C-alpha atoms as a PDB file:
ATOM      1  CA  MET A   1     114.135 156.977 193.054  1.00  0.00           C
ATOM      2  CA  GLU A   2     116.382 158.986 190.744  1.00  0.00           C
ATOM      3  CA  HIS A   3     118.853 156.110 190.738  1.00  0.00           C
ATOM      4  CA  LEU A   4     116.199 153.762 189.322  1.00  0.00           C
ATOM      5  CA  ALA A   5     115.260 156.289 186.658  1.00  0.00           C
ATOM      6  CA  ARG A   6     118.883 156.558 185.556  1.00  0.00           C
ATOM      7  CA  MET A   7     119.285 152.768 185.469  1.00  0.00           C
ATOM      8  CA  SER A   8     116.184 152.266 183.321  1.00  0.00           C
ATOM      9  CA  LYS A   9     117.336 155.038 180.988  1.00  0.00           C
ATOM     10  CA  ARG A  10     120.693 153.299 180.537  1.00  0.00           C
ATOM     11  CA  ARG A  11     118.977 150.018 179.712  1.00  0.00           C
ATOM     12  CA  LYS A  12     116.870 151.648 176.991  1.00  0.00           C
ATOM     13  CA  GLU A  13     119.874 153.333 175.388  1.00  0.00           C
ATOM     14  CA  ALA A  14     121.883 150.410 174.066  1.00  0.00           C
ATOM     15  CA  PRO A  15     125.475 151.099 173.091  1.00  0.00           C
ATOM     16  CA  LEU A  16     126.302 151.337 169.412  1.00  0.00           C
ATOM     17  CA  PRO A  17     127.883 148.260 167.842  1.00  0.00           C
ATOM     18  CA  ALA A  18     131.643 148.247 167.464  1.00  0.00           C
ATOM     19  CA  SER A  19     132.973 148.825 163.952  1.00  0.00           C
ATOM     20  CA  ALA A  20     136.322 149.042 162.201  1.00  0.00           C
ATOM     21  CA  ALA A  21     136.895 152.773 162.510  1.00  0.00           C
ATOM     22  CA  GLY A  22     133.702 153.838 164.194  1.00  0.00           C
ATOM     23  CA  LEU A  23     132.210 154.507 160.761  1.00  0.00           C
ATOM     24  CA  LEU A  24     129.353 152.021 161.015  1.00  0.00           C
ATOM     25  CA  ARG A  25     126.303 153.211 162.888  1.00  0.00           C
ATOM     26  CA  PHE A  26     123.156 151.109 162.934  1.00  0.00           C
ATOM     27  CA  PHE A  27     119.820 152.403 164.082  1.00  0.00           C
ATOM     28  CA  GLU A  28     116.775 150.184 163.975  1.00  0.00           C
ATOM     29  CA  GLU A  29     113.897 152.466 163.103  1.00  0.00           C
ATOM     30  CA  GLU A  30     110.261 151.675 162.729  1.00  0.00           C
ATOM     31  CA  SER A  31     109.381 152.282 159.120  1.00  0.00           C
ATOM     32  CA  LYS A  32     105.925 153.156 157.897  1.00  0.00           C
ATOM     33  CA  GLY A  33     103.952 150.873 155.622  1.00  0.00           C
ATOM     34  CA  ILE A  34     102.874 147.284 155.662  1.00  0.00           C
ATOM     35  CA  LYS A  35     105.069 144.671 157.307  1.00  0.00           C
ATOM     36  CA  ILE A  36     105.228 141.241 155.665  1.00  0.00           C
ATOM     37  CA  ARG A  37     107.230 138.306 156.962  1.00  0.00           C
ATOM     38  CA  PRO A  38     109.866 136.971 154.530  1.00  0.00           C
ATOM     39  CA  GLU A  39     108.274 133.526 154.587  1.00  0.00           C
ATOM     40  CA  VAL A  40     105.024 134.965 153.226  1.00  0.00           C
ATOM     41  CA  VAL A  41     106.851 136.672 150.359  1.00  0.00           C
ATOM     42  CA  ILE A  42     108.612 133.412 149.398  1.00  0.00           C
ATOM     43  CA  ILE A  43     105.364 131.401 149.543  1.00  0.00           C
ATOM     44  CA  VAL A  44     103.431 133.941 147.461  1.00  0.00           C
ATOM     45  CA  GLY A  45     106.238 134.048 144.893  1.00  0.00           C
ATOM     46  CA  ALA A  46     106.324 130.241 144.639  1.00  0.00           C
ATOM     47  CA  MET A  47     102.535 130.117 144.266  1.00  0.00           C
ATOM     48  CA  LEU A  48     102.694 132.690 141.476  1.00  0.00           C
ATOM     49  CA  ILE A  49     105.280 130.595 139.619  1.00  0.00           C
ATOM     50  CA  VAL A  50     103.109 127.481 139.958  1.00  0.00           C
ATOM     51  CA  ILE A  51      99.970 129.301 138.775  1.00  0.00           C
ATOM     52  CA  VAL A  52     101.749 130.751 135.737  1.00  0.00           C
ATOM     53  CA  THR A  53     103.234 127.344 134.862  1.00  0.00           C
ATOM     54  CA  ILE A  54      99.822 125.636 135.107  1.00  0.00           C
ATOM     55  CA  ALA A  55      98.199 128.415 133.053  1.00  0.00           C
ATOM     56  CA  ARG A  56     100.825 127.991 130.305  1.00  0.00           C
ATOM     57  CA  ILE A  57     100.164 124.215 130.190  1.00  0.00           C
ATOM     58  CA  PHE A  58      96.353 124.517 130.000  1.00  0.00           C
ATOM     59  CA  PHE A  59      96.224 127.691 127.884  1.00  0.00           C
ATOM     60  CA  PRO A  60      99.128 127.574 125.388  1.00  0.00           C
ATOM     61  CA  LEU A  61      99.634 130.548 123.104  1.00  0.00           C
END
């Protein structure tokens, strides 16, 4: 039983990635706040550009 516990613990603890001089350490942490997919950000940005362009055509200064 202890053997299985040790094996599952090893699986959860992934080794650190190799780096040039061992200076690079990467830890993926869960950050707080909203999570938005990159595709959504690109689409919203493109829609904003289109809306502003249409508004400038129909409502010139």
